[in-house]
Protein backbone atom coordinates (compact mmCIF):
# COMPACT_ATOMS: atom_id res chain seq x y z
CA MET A 1 74.87 68.35 30.15
CA LYS A 2 74.91 65.35 27.95
CA ILE A 3 73.77 62.16 29.64
CA SER A 4 73.06 58.75 28.84
CA LEU A 5 70.96 56.71 31.04
CA SER A 6 70.86 52.82 31.22
CA LEU A 7 67.26 51.97 32.71
CA GLY A 8 66.97 48.63 34.21
CA GLY A 9 64.18 46.65 32.77
CA SER A 10 62.99 45.46 35.91
CA LEU A 11 62.47 49.07 37.07
CA LEU A 12 59.77 49.33 34.28
CA THR A 13 58.22 45.87 34.26
CA GLY A 14 58.73 44.70 37.97
CA LYS A 15 59.79 41.42 39.22
CA SER A 16 56.40 39.75 39.18
CA THR A 17 55.87 36.07 40.24
CA ASP A 18 52.83 35.63 37.93
CA PRO A 19 53.67 33.01 35.00
CA VAL A 20 53.18 35.96 32.45
CA PRO A 21 54.43 39.52 33.23
CA ILE A 22 51.74 42.16 33.81
CA LEU A 23 52.85 45.58 33.22
CA ASP A 24 51.69 48.75 34.80
CA PRO A 25 51.27 51.80 32.58
CA ASP A 26 51.75 54.00 35.75
CA ILE A 27 55.08 52.93 36.28
CA PHE A 28 55.88 54.22 32.95
CA ARG A 29 54.55 57.49 33.55
CA LYS A 30 56.35 57.70 36.88
CA TYR A 31 59.67 57.45 35.10
CA ALA A 32 58.55 59.89 32.13
CA THR A 33 57.54 62.55 34.70
CA VAL A 34 61.19 62.46 36.05
CA LEU A 35 62.81 62.31 32.64
CA LYS A 36 60.68 65.25 31.44
CA ARG A 37 62.17 67.21 34.70
CA ILE A 38 65.75 66.30 33.64
CA HIS A 39 64.88 67.59 29.80
CA GLU A 40 63.30 70.88 31.24
CA GLN A 41 66.60 71.40 32.92
CA GLY A 42 68.07 71.72 29.59
CA HIS A 43 69.71 68.50 29.36
CA GLU A 44 70.28 66.42 26.38
CA LEU A 45 69.25 63.02 27.37
CA MET A 46 69.48 59.19 25.93
CA VAL A 47 67.66 56.48 27.94
CA VAL A 48 68.33 53.04 26.80
CA CYS A 49 65.61 50.66 28.11
CA GLY A 50 66.20 46.83 29.34
CA GLY A 51 64.18 44.02 28.91
CA GLY A 52 63.24 43.38 32.57
CA GLN A 53 60.78 40.47 33.45
CA PRO A 54 59.31 40.05 29.83
CA ALA A 55 63.11 39.38 28.77
CA ARG A 56 63.68 36.70 31.29
CA TYR A 57 60.34 35.09 30.77
CA PHE A 58 60.76 34.78 27.05
CA ILE A 59 64.41 33.65 27.68
CA HIS A 60 63.12 31.06 30.23
CA VAL A 61 60.60 29.33 27.39
CA ALA A 62 63.50 29.40 24.90
CA ASN A 63 66.03 27.51 27.17
CA ASN A 64 63.15 25.03 27.68
CA LEU A 65 63.19 24.94 24.04
CA GLU A 66 67.01 24.16 23.63
CA ALA A 67 67.54 27.66 22.08
CA ASP A 68 71.09 28.77 21.18
CA ARG A 69 72.36 31.87 22.65
CA ASP A 70 72.03 34.23 19.57
CA LEU A 71 68.07 33.32 19.79
CA LEU A 72 68.07 34.04 23.46
CA ASP A 73 69.84 37.62 22.92
CA ASN A 74 67.49 38.21 20.17
CA LEU A 75 64.41 37.80 22.57
CA GLY A 76 65.88 39.90 25.10
CA ILE A 77 66.61 42.66 22.49
CA LYS A 78 62.77 42.60 21.23
CA ALA A 79 61.62 42.94 24.94
CA THR A 80 63.99 46.13 25.37
CA HIS A 81 62.17 47.40 21.95
CA ILE A 82 58.69 46.82 23.58
CA ASN A 83 59.56 48.65 26.92
CA ALA A 84 61.33 51.48 24.71
CA LEU A 85 58.13 52.04 22.63
CA LEU A 86 55.91 51.97 26.13
CA LEU A 87 58.28 54.80 27.58
CA MET A 88 57.85 56.80 24.30
CA ALA A 89 54.08 56.62 24.75
CA ALA A 90 54.55 57.90 28.32
CA LEU A 91 56.88 60.58 27.17
CA GLY A 92 54.39 62.16 24.79
CA ASN A 93 55.80 64.74 22.68
CA VAL A 94 59.06 65.30 24.45
CA ALA A 95 60.15 61.92 22.81
CA ASP A 96 62.19 61.24 19.58
CA LYS A 97 59.94 59.16 18.02
CA ASN A 98 61.80 58.87 15.05
CA ARG A 99 63.12 55.40 16.05
CA ILE A 100 64.24 53.17 18.69
CA TYR A 101 67.91 54.06 18.57
CA GLN A 102 70.22 50.82 18.47
CA ARG A 103 73.54 52.03 16.81
CA GLY A 104 75.58 54.68 17.62
CA SER A 105 75.38 55.98 14.20
CA ASP A 106 72.08 56.29 14.48
CA LEU A 107 72.25 59.69 16.73
CA ARG A 108 73.01 61.27 13.05
CA TYR A 109 69.06 61.20 12.74
CA LYS A 110 68.15 62.44 16.06
CA GLN A 111 65.36 65.26 16.67
CA HIS A 112 67.06 68.09 18.53
CA GLY A 113 65.40 69.20 21.84
CA LYS A 114 63.76 65.57 22.25
CA ILE A 115 64.64 62.82 24.61
CA MET A 116 66.15 59.84 22.65
CA ILE A 117 65.16 56.38 23.56
CA GLY A 118 67.23 53.32 22.74
CA GLY A 119 67.15 49.55 23.17
CA GLY A 120 68.98 46.30 22.17
CA TYR A 121 70.71 46.00 19.20
CA LYS A 122 72.46 42.70 18.42
CA PRO A 123 73.36 39.17 19.95
CA GLY A 124 76.21 39.58 22.44
CA SER A 125 75.45 43.30 23.08
CA SER A 126 73.75 44.40 26.36
CA THR A 127 71.71 47.49 26.88
CA ASP A 128 74.49 48.68 29.39
CA TYR A 129 77.05 48.42 26.34
CA ARG A 130 74.30 50.26 24.24
CA ALA A 131 74.41 53.12 26.85
CA VAL A 132 78.02 53.41 26.73
CA ILE A 133 78.24 53.46 22.75
CA PHE A 134 75.54 56.27 22.69
CA ALA A 135 77.33 57.86 25.44
CA LYS A 136 80.49 57.81 23.26
CA ASN A 137 78.80 59.04 19.99
CA MET A 138 76.98 61.91 21.71
CA GLY A 139 79.83 63.04 23.77
CA ALA A 140 78.04 62.55 27.18
CA ASP A 141 79.56 63.69 30.30
CA LEU A 142 77.82 61.08 32.52
CA ILE A 143 76.65 57.85 32.12
CA ILE A 144 73.83 56.63 34.76
CA ASN A 145 73.03 52.83 35.72
CA ALA A 146 69.44 52.85 37.14
CA THR A 147 68.64 49.24 38.48
CA ASP A 148 67.17 48.02 41.93
CA VAL A 149 70.45 48.21 43.94
CA ASP A 150 71.48 51.08 45.61
CA GLY A 151 75.13 51.23 44.38
CA ILE A 152 78.08 49.13 43.97
CA TYR A 153 78.96 46.46 46.71
CA ASP A 154 82.37 44.43 47.40
CA LYS A 155 79.97 41.62 47.19
CA ASN A 156 76.58 40.38 46.30
CA PRO A 157 74.50 42.13 49.02
CA ARG A 158 71.40 39.90 48.15
CA VAL A 159 73.72 36.74 49.12
CA TYR A 160 76.05 38.45 51.82
CA PRO A 161 74.33 40.49 54.53
CA ASN A 162 77.54 41.99 55.44
CA ALA A 163 78.37 43.27 52.04
CA ALA A 164 79.76 46.89 52.14
CA LYS A 165 78.87 49.41 49.58
CA ILE A 166 81.31 51.52 48.01
CA LYS A 167 80.51 55.27 47.61
CA GLU A 168 83.33 55.76 45.12
CA LEU A 169 85.64 53.64 43.16
CA THR A 170 87.94 53.09 40.15
CA PHE A 171 86.89 51.24 36.75
CA GLU A 172 89.60 48.52 37.54
CA GLN A 173 87.79 47.84 41.05
CA LEU A 174 84.52 47.52 39.35
CA GLU A 175 85.85 45.14 36.76
CA MET A 176 87.37 42.92 39.62
CA ILE A 177 84.11 42.93 41.56
CA ILE A 178 81.75 42.03 38.44
CA THR A 179 84.19 39.18 37.46
CA GLU A 180 83.81 37.68 40.87
CA ASN A 181 80.23 38.10 41.55
CA THR A 182 78.08 37.87 38.32
CA ASP A 183 77.64 35.40 35.45
CA GLN A 184 77.19 37.76 32.29
CA VAL A 185 74.48 35.90 30.63
CA PRO A 186 71.63 36.95 28.36
CA GLY A 187 68.70 39.03 30.02
CA ASP A 188 70.86 38.97 33.36
CA TYR A 189 74.21 40.53 33.34
CA GLY A 190 74.15 41.33 36.63
CA LEU A 191 75.45 44.23 38.05
CA PHE A 192 77.03 45.96 34.74
CA ASP A 193 78.14 44.49 31.35
CA LEU A 194 82.03 43.91 31.71
CA LYS A 195 82.34 45.12 28.05
CA ALA A 196 80.40 48.28 28.93
CA VAL A 197 82.81 48.81 32.05
CA LYS A 198 85.82 48.41 30.07
CA LEU A 199 84.40 50.71 27.07
CA ALA A 200 83.65 53.48 29.76
CA SER A 201 87.05 53.19 31.31
CA ARG A 202 88.75 54.17 27.96
CA LEU A 203 86.50 56.94 27.06
CA ASP A 204 86.99 58.41 30.82
CA ILE A 205 83.15 59.11 31.36
CA PRO A 206 81.95 58.77 34.93
CA VAL A 207 79.40 56.07 35.54
CA ILE A 208 76.89 56.73 38.54
CA PHE A 209 75.30 53.81 39.84
CA ILE A 210 72.02 54.21 41.77
CA ASP A 211 68.80 52.64 42.97
CA GLY A 212 66.34 53.41 40.27
CA ARG A 213 63.29 52.07 42.24
CA ASN A 214 62.74 55.71 43.09
CA PRO A 215 62.56 57.59 40.07
CA LEU A 216 63.55 60.82 41.63
CA GLU A 217 66.92 59.11 42.03
CA ILE A 218 67.88 59.61 38.66
CA LEU A 219 67.23 63.31 38.81
CA LYS A 220 69.39 63.44 42.05
CA ALA A 221 72.14 61.58 40.23
CA VAL A 222 71.98 64.39 37.36
CA ASN A 223 72.31 67.16 39.92
CA GLY A 224 74.82 65.40 41.97
CA GLU A 225 72.80 64.57 45.13
CA HIS A 226 72.32 61.07 44.81
CA SER A 227 73.01 58.29 47.22
CA GLY A 228 74.46 55.69 45.05
CA SER A 229 77.99 54.89 43.93
CA VAL A 230 80.51 56.81 41.35
CA VAL A 231 83.04 55.01 39.31
CA ARG A 232 85.70 57.02 37.40
């Protein structure tokens, strides 16, 4: 199976309240271990890293400096590349180290039999959207979105204790939930980038949303045993 994974940056970098983000190498190792298991099962895998806490930190500083939106986006993009390089290091020889994949056309340079690692590309284009673009170009069977929420809810579960989890829903339903519950701003697209949802819908590639705080949930999603939400 061909899989494109959008790996939330906060999973890799945590949500530390320290003024400057502190990264833990063991977290990268844990995700690398699970990704290697997926690779060993014979799946072709693209992993797109988010920016996480470092991205939000740099964007916060730049906002105080009255930076424009493109500059904010570029700071977030650089943070995704740092996380991508660290994940490459954790994966060792199974990682495709030719490049950090940014454009769909980059896939023509891929090393066969290796895990591809991607990051942000240009302002206005989130890593969620990158994951769907890569899914298109690799002919993916599945897109996985791993974040710190265990699926799709009818409203923000952090704000509304009575929010209901939805196990299966359509792309149209997801678009409505995102429109009503997220701001879609650089470094914090919320649930998922709306442009990414629209593209995945056109491509007719199912998207599984899982709680990636437990790396094994990614493996379970690949094997159809997850406890998240499926959009198709």
